Amino acid sequence: MKRRLFINHAIIIAFSIALFVVFAGIIAQNNLNEITKHHLDNYMKTIQIHYEGYDNADELVDMYEIIEEDVRITVLNPEGMVVADSTQIPTDNHLSRPEFQKLGTIYTRHSDTLNTSMMYLAKSMYDGGYLRVAIPSASLLPFLNDFIIFSILIAIFILGVSFFLFSIATNKALVPLKETVTSLDLVAKGEYYDKLPLEKSEEINEIINSINSISKIIATTITELNLEKEKSNFILNHMDQGLCVLNSDKKISVMNHYLASLFHLQSESVIKKDYHF
């Protein structure tokens, strides 16, 4: 019972830690995404301010490429063709891409050019052109292995502490039940043992009180039966006539001393034997 309870306890802890890892990962990823979006919006506002100060889009892109290499800046003309790009200059029209379909909205998608997940934000400029800023989307993958290992170590520590505390609590809780079993063993021997109820466990008190009542009845009944048996044995063994009682299988169930002495037998040795012995 104790082992089964601990296994169930361990399963609950392991399941709880697994849920913690999953939900902690989701929350952390969402927080990282929000931080990345905030940085992307700040980059866009800053680059917009400098946009008007540069006649050559390449100079604007080169300046930010030196400052922050992870930031991708793309400048488009009013027709949607790339004028300058911090990575390369694609020849296709960009206006069909999601970030240009709804300007001012941040989109996260895979970049075929950089072969990574990027967050994009695009806005129209005063001259009719477009400015797009992109930064790599935050990912938990670099930290996931360390996070899982750390969680496993925490799980092992919690299971160890839980097993120690669980053993102490279980042993303490089982003490009154073990004492109750001892009292029942005494009842089986015809002795009544009054187990006083505990003060700190109402549930166990109810069980013990019920067992106390039952054991008292059983002990009283056993005592009465033993007295009746002693009376019967006294009467049988002081009769001047022999008496032998057979059961339904024609085996001896009772033989008094008078009859046993006639055949030079011990009355106890022939009990449950066939009467033809």
Protein backbone atom coordinates (compact mmCIF):
# COMPACT_ATOMS: atom_id res chain seq x y z
CA MET A 1 0.00 0.00 0.00
CA LYS A 2 2.78 2.37 0.98
CA ARG A 3 4.66 1.65 -2.26
CA ARG A 4 1.55 2.14 -4.37
CA LEU A 5 0.79 5.45 -2.67
CA PHE A 6 4.33 6.67 -3.31
CA ILE A 7 4.17 5.62 -6.99
CA ASN A 8 0.92 7.53 -7.41
CA HIS A 9 2.48 10.49 -5.60
CA ALA A 10 5.55 10.36 -7.89
CA ILE A 11 3.36 10.21 -11.01
CA ILE A 12 1.44 13.29 -9.88
CA ILE A 13 4.67 15.21 -9.22
CA ALA A 14 6.18 14.17 -12.58
CA PHE A 15 2.99 15.15 -14.40
CA SER A 16 2.90 18.50 -12.59
CA ILE A 17 6.53 19.24 -13.48
CA ALA A 18 5.89 18.28 -17.11
CA LEU A 19 2.94 20.69 -17.20
CA PHE A 20 5.14 23.35 -15.58
CA VAL A 21 7.82 22.90 -18.26
CA VAL A 22 5.26 23.11 -21.08
CA PHE A 23 3.40 26.14 -19.74
CA ALA A 24 6.61 27.88 -18.65
CA GLY A 25 7.95 27.39 -22.18
CA ILE A 26 4.78 28.80 -23.72
CA ILE A 27 4.77 31.81 -21.38
CA ALA A 28 8.48 32.44 -21.93
CA GLN A 29 8.06 32.21 -25.72
CA ASN A 30 5.14 34.65 -25.63
CA ASN A 31 7.13 37.07 -23.48
CA LEU A 32 10.12 36.85 -25.81
CA ASN A 33 7.83 37.51 -28.78
CA GLU A 34 6.39 40.58 -27.06
CA ILE A 35 9.89 41.88 -26.31
CA THR A 36 10.94 41.27 -29.92
CA LYS A 37 7.87 43.10 -31.21
CA HIS A 38 8.68 46.01 -28.92
CA HIS A 39 12.25 46.17 -30.23
CA LEU A 40 11.01 45.92 -33.83
CA ASP A 41 8.60 48.82 -33.31
CA ASN A 42 11.38 50.95 -31.78
CA TYR A 43 13.70 50.15 -34.69
CA MET A 44 11.02 51.20 -37.14
CA LYS A 45 10.41 54.53 -35.37
CA THR A 46 14.15 55.27 -35.22
CA ILE A 47 14.80 54.37 -38.86
CA GLN A 48 11.78 56.40 -39.98
CA ILE A 49 13.35 59.49 -38.43
CA HIS A 50 16.59 58.96 -40.37
CA TYR A 51 14.79 58.02 -43.57
CA GLU A 52 14.13 61.63 -44.52
CA GLY A 53 17.77 62.60 -43.94
CA TYR A 54 19.21 60.24 -46.55
CA ASP A 55 18.82 60.78 -50.28
CA ASN A 56 20.49 57.46 -50.97
CA ALA A 57 18.69 54.45 -49.50
CA ASP A 58 21.86 52.37 -49.61
CA GLU A 59 23.57 54.76 -47.18
CA LEU A 60 20.68 54.38 -44.72
CA VAL A 61 20.82 50.59 -44.94
CA ASP A 62 24.62 50.53 -44.62
CA MET A 63 24.55 52.71 -41.50
CA TYR A 64 22.20 50.40 -39.61
CA GLU A 65 23.92 47.29 -40.90
CA ILE A 66 27.10 48.50 -39.19
CA ILE A 67 25.26 49.35 -35.96
CA GLU A 68 23.06 46.26 -35.72
CA GLU A 69 23.77 43.34 -38.04
CA ASP A 70 20.67 41.37 -36.97
CA VAL A 71 18.33 44.10 -38.22
CA ARG A 72 17.25 43.73 -41.83
CA ILE A 73 16.16 46.93 -43.57
CA THR A 74 14.44 46.99 -46.93
CA VAL A 75 13.49 50.11 -48.89
CA LEU A 76 10.93 49.82 -51.72
CA ASN A 77 9.87 52.30 -54.35
CA PRO A 78 6.16 53.15 -54.81
CA GLU A 79 5.83 50.28 -57.31
CA GLY A 80 7.02 47.73 -54.73
CA MET A 81 10.44 47.03 -56.19
CA VAL A 82 13.43 46.83 -53.84
CA VAL A 83 15.67 49.90 -53.89
CA ALA A 84 17.98 48.86 -51.06
CA ASP A 85 18.23 45.86 -48.76
CA SER A 86 20.68 45.10 -45.97
CA THR A 87 20.87 41.46 -47.04
CA GLN A 88 20.52 41.48 -50.81
CA ILE A 89 18.40 43.05 -53.52
CA PRO A 90 15.70 40.65 -54.76
CA THR A 91 14.17 41.48 -58.14
CA ASP A 92 10.59 40.41 -57.40
CA ASN A 93 7.83 42.76 -56.33
CA HIS A 94 7.31 42.76 -52.53
CA LEU A 95 3.86 44.30 -52.27
CA SER A 96 2.19 40.87 -52.28
CA ARG A 97 3.94 39.87 -49.06
CA PRO A 98 1.84 39.86 -45.82
CA GLU A 99 3.59 42.77 -44.11
CA PHE A 100 2.83 45.03 -47.10
CA GLN A 101 -0.76 43.86 -47.41
CA LYS A 102 -1.55 45.35 -44.01
CA LEU A 103 0.95 48.06 -43.24
CA GLY A 104 1.82 48.70 -39.60
CA THR A 105 1.05 45.12 -38.53
CA ILE A 106 3.82 42.85 -37.29
CA TYR A 107 4.03 39.50 -39.05
CA THR A 108 6.15 36.50 -38.16
CA ARG A 109 7.10 34.21 -41.03
CA HIS A 110 9.96 32.20 -42.41
CA SER A 111 12.40 34.12 -44.54
CA ASP A 112 13.52 32.17 -47.60
CA THR A 113 16.36 34.64 -48.09
CA LEU A 114 17.82 34.21 -44.61
CA ASN A 115 16.39 30.72 -44.00
CA THR A 116 15.14 31.66 -40.54
CA SER A 117 12.01 32.89 -38.80
CA MET A 118 11.75 36.68 -38.87
CA MET A 119 9.38 39.36 -37.55
CA TYR A 120 8.46 41.95 -40.18
CA LEU A 121 7.00 45.44 -39.92
CA ALA A 122 6.37 47.63 -42.97
CA LYS A 123 5.12 51.21 -43.34
CA SER A 124 4.61 53.66 -46.18
CA MET A 125 6.89 56.72 -46.38
CA TYR A 126 6.25 60.35 -47.24
CA ASP A 127 7.65 59.93 -50.76
CA GLY A 128 5.27 57.09 -51.65
CA GLY A 129 7.87 54.39 -51.07
CA TYR A 130 7.92 51.75 -48.36
CA LEU A 131 10.21 50.94 -45.46
CA ARG A 132 10.38 47.46 -43.99
CA VAL A 133 12.28 46.45 -40.86
CA ALA A 134 12.81 42.85 -39.81
CA ILE A 135 14.59 41.14 -36.93
CA PRO A 136 14.94 37.43 -36.07
CA SER A 137 12.04 36.17 -33.98
CA ALA A 138 13.02 35.09 -30.47
CA SER A 139 13.32 31.35 -29.94
CA LEU A 140 13.61 29.18 -26.86
CA LEU A 141 15.44 26.41 -28.74
CA PRO A 142 18.96 27.51 -27.65
CA PHE A 143 17.84 27.38 -24.01
CA LEU A 144 15.44 24.44 -24.24
CA ASN A 145 17.97 21.68 -23.51
CA ASP A 146 19.35 23.47 -20.45
CA PHE A 147 15.81 24.21 -19.30
CA ILE A 148 14.77 20.55 -19.61
CA ILE A 149 17.90 19.31 -17.79
CA PHE A 150 17.32 21.87 -15.04
CA SER A 151 13.69 20.77 -14.75
CA ILE A 152 14.71 17.09 -14.50
CA LEU A 153 17.16 17.92 -11.70
CA ILE A 154 14.42 19.84 -9.89
CA ALA A 155 12.07 16.87 -10.37
CA ILE A 156 14.62 14.45 -8.89
CA PHE A 157 15.19 16.77 -5.92
CA ILE A 158 11.46 17.19 -5.32
CA LEU A 159 10.87 13.43 -5.59
CA GLY A 160 13.68 12.76 -3.11
CA VAL A 161 12.37 15.27 -0.58
CA SER A 162 8.81 14.10 -1.18
CA PHE A 163 9.78 10.46 -0.64
CA PHE A 164 11.47 11.34 2.65
CA LEU A 165 8.56 13.43 3.92
CA PHE A 166 6.03 10.96 2.52
CA SER A 167 7.70 8.07 4.37
CA ILE A 168 7.64 9.98 7.66
CA ALA A 169 4.01 11.04 7.21
CA THR A 170 2.91 7.57 6.11
CA ASN A 171 4.66 5.79 8.97
CA LYS A 172 3.13 8.23 11.43
CA ALA A 173 -0.31 7.78 9.90
CA LEU A 174 -0.03 3.98 9.93
CA VAL A 175 0.93 3.76 13.63
CA PRO A 176 -2.69 3.82 14.90
CA LEU A 177 -3.72 1.31 12.25
CA LYS A 178 -0.90 -1.06 13.22
CA GLU A 179 -1.92 -0.74 16.87
CA THR A 180 -5.49 -1.49 15.86
CA VAL A 181 -4.36 -4.64 14.03
CA THR A 182 -2.52 -5.68 17.23
CA SER A 183 -5.72 -5.18 19.21
CA LEU A 184 -7.61 -7.36 16.71
CA ASP A 185 -5.00 -10.11 17.13
CA LEU A 186 -5.66 -10.00 20.88
CA VAL A 187 -9.38 -10.20 20.23
CA ALA A 188 -8.81 -13.33 18.15
CA LYS A 189 -7.14 -14.85 21.23
CA GLY A 190 -10.13 -13.97 23.36
CA GLU A 191 -8.61 -10.88 24.91
CA TYR A 192 -10.16 -7.43 24.62
CA TYR A 193 -7.84 -4.52 24.08
CA ASP A 194 -9.36 -1.07 24.26
CA LYS A 195 -7.64 1.19 21.72
CA LEU A 196 -8.11 4.80 22.73
CA PRO A 197 -8.97 7.14 19.84
CA LEU A 198 -6.49 9.70 18.59
CA GLU A 199 -7.11 13.40 18.98
CA LYS A 200 -5.65 14.70 15.71
CA SER A 201 -7.26 12.45 13.11
CA GLU A 202 -11.04 12.38 13.05
CA GLU A 203 -11.16 9.94 10.10
CA ILE A 204 -8.95 7.38 11.83
CA ASN A 205 -10.81 7.97 15.11
CA GLU A 206 -14.06 6.95 13.44
CA ILE A 207 -12.50 3.74 12.13
CA ILE A 208 -10.89 2.92 15.47
CA ASN A 209 -14.08 3.62 17.41
CA SER A 210 -16.01 1.30 15.10
CA ILE A 211 -13.36 -1.41 15.45
CA ASN A 212 -13.37 -0.93 19.23
CA SER A 213 -17.10 -1.53 19.36
CA ILE A 214 -16.91 -4.60 17.11
CA SER A 215 -13.87 -6.06 18.88
CA LYS A 216 -15.55 -5.63 22.25
CA ILE A 217 -18.60 -7.55 21.02
CA ILE A 218 -16.38 -10.26 19.50
CA ALA A 219 -14.25 -10.55 22.65
CA THR A 220 -17.36 -10.84 24.81
CA THR A 221 -18.83 -13.47 22.49
CA ILE A 222 -15.58 -15.47 22.45
CA THR A 223 -15.41 -15.36 26.24
CA GLU A 224 -19.01 -16.56 26.55
CA LEU A 225 -18.40 -19.36 24.04
CA ASN A 226 -15.29 -20.47 25.92
CA LEU A 227 -17.27 -20.58 29.16
CA GLU A 228 -19.99 -22.61 27.50
CA LYS A 229 -17.36 -24.92 26.05
CA GLU A 230 -15.78 -25.40 29.46
CA LYS A 231 -19.18 -26.17 30.95
CA SER A 232 -19.93 -28.69 28.21
CA ASN A 233 -16.53 -30.34 28.59
CA PHE A 234 -16.96 -30.55 32.35
CA ILE A 235 -20.34 -32.23 31.99
CA LEU A 236 -19.17 -34.64 29.26
CA ASN A 237 -16.02 -35.64 31.08
CA HIS A 238 -17.83 -36.33 34.37
CA MET A 239 -20.52 -38.56 32.92
CA ASP A 240 -20.69 -42.20 33.96
CA GLN A 241 -21.59 -43.21 30.42
CA GLY A 242 -19.56 -43.14 27.26
CA LEU A 243 -20.49 -40.54 24.64
CA CYS A 244 -19.34 -40.21 21.06
CA VAL A 245 -20.74 -37.67 18.59
CA LEU A 246 -20.25 -38.10 14.81
CA ASN A 247 -20.55 -35.40 12.20
CA SER A 248 -22.25 -35.74 8.80
CA ASP A 249 -19.15 -37.48 7.38
CA LYS A 250 -19.30 -40.08 10.16
CA LYS A 251 -16.16 -38.72 11.72
CA ILE A 252 -15.74 -38.22 15.45
CA SER A 253 -16.36 -34.68 16.59
CA VAL A 254 -16.77 -35.34 20.33
CA MET A 255 -15.70 -38.21 22.62
CA ASN A 256 -15.75 -37.94 26.39
CA HIS A 257 -13.05 -39.24 28.70
CA TYR A 258 -15.15 -42.17 29.97
CA LEU A 259 -15.50 -43.72 26.49
CA ALA A 260 -11.91 -42.95 25.58
CA SER A 261 -10.65 -44.67 28.74
CA LEU A 262 -12.62 -47.82 27.87
CA PHE A 263 -10.64 -48.14 24.66
CA HIS A 264 -7.42 -46.79 26.17
CA LEU A 265 -7.44 -43.74 23.90
CA GLN A 266 -6.79 -40.04 24.21
CA SER A 267 -10.05 -38.25 23.42
CA GLU A 268 -8.22 -35.44 21.64
CA SER A 269 -6.31 -37.84 19.35
CA VAL A 270 -9.42 -39.36 17.77
CA ILE A 271 -11.20 -36.12 16.93
CA LYS A 272 -11.94 -35.87 13.16
CA LYS A 273 -11.12 -39.54 12.63
CA ASP A 274 -13.45 -42.10 11.10
CA TYR A 275 -15.35 -43.97 13.83
CA HIS A 276 -14.14 -47.30 12.33
CA PHE A 277 -10.59 -46.62 13.37
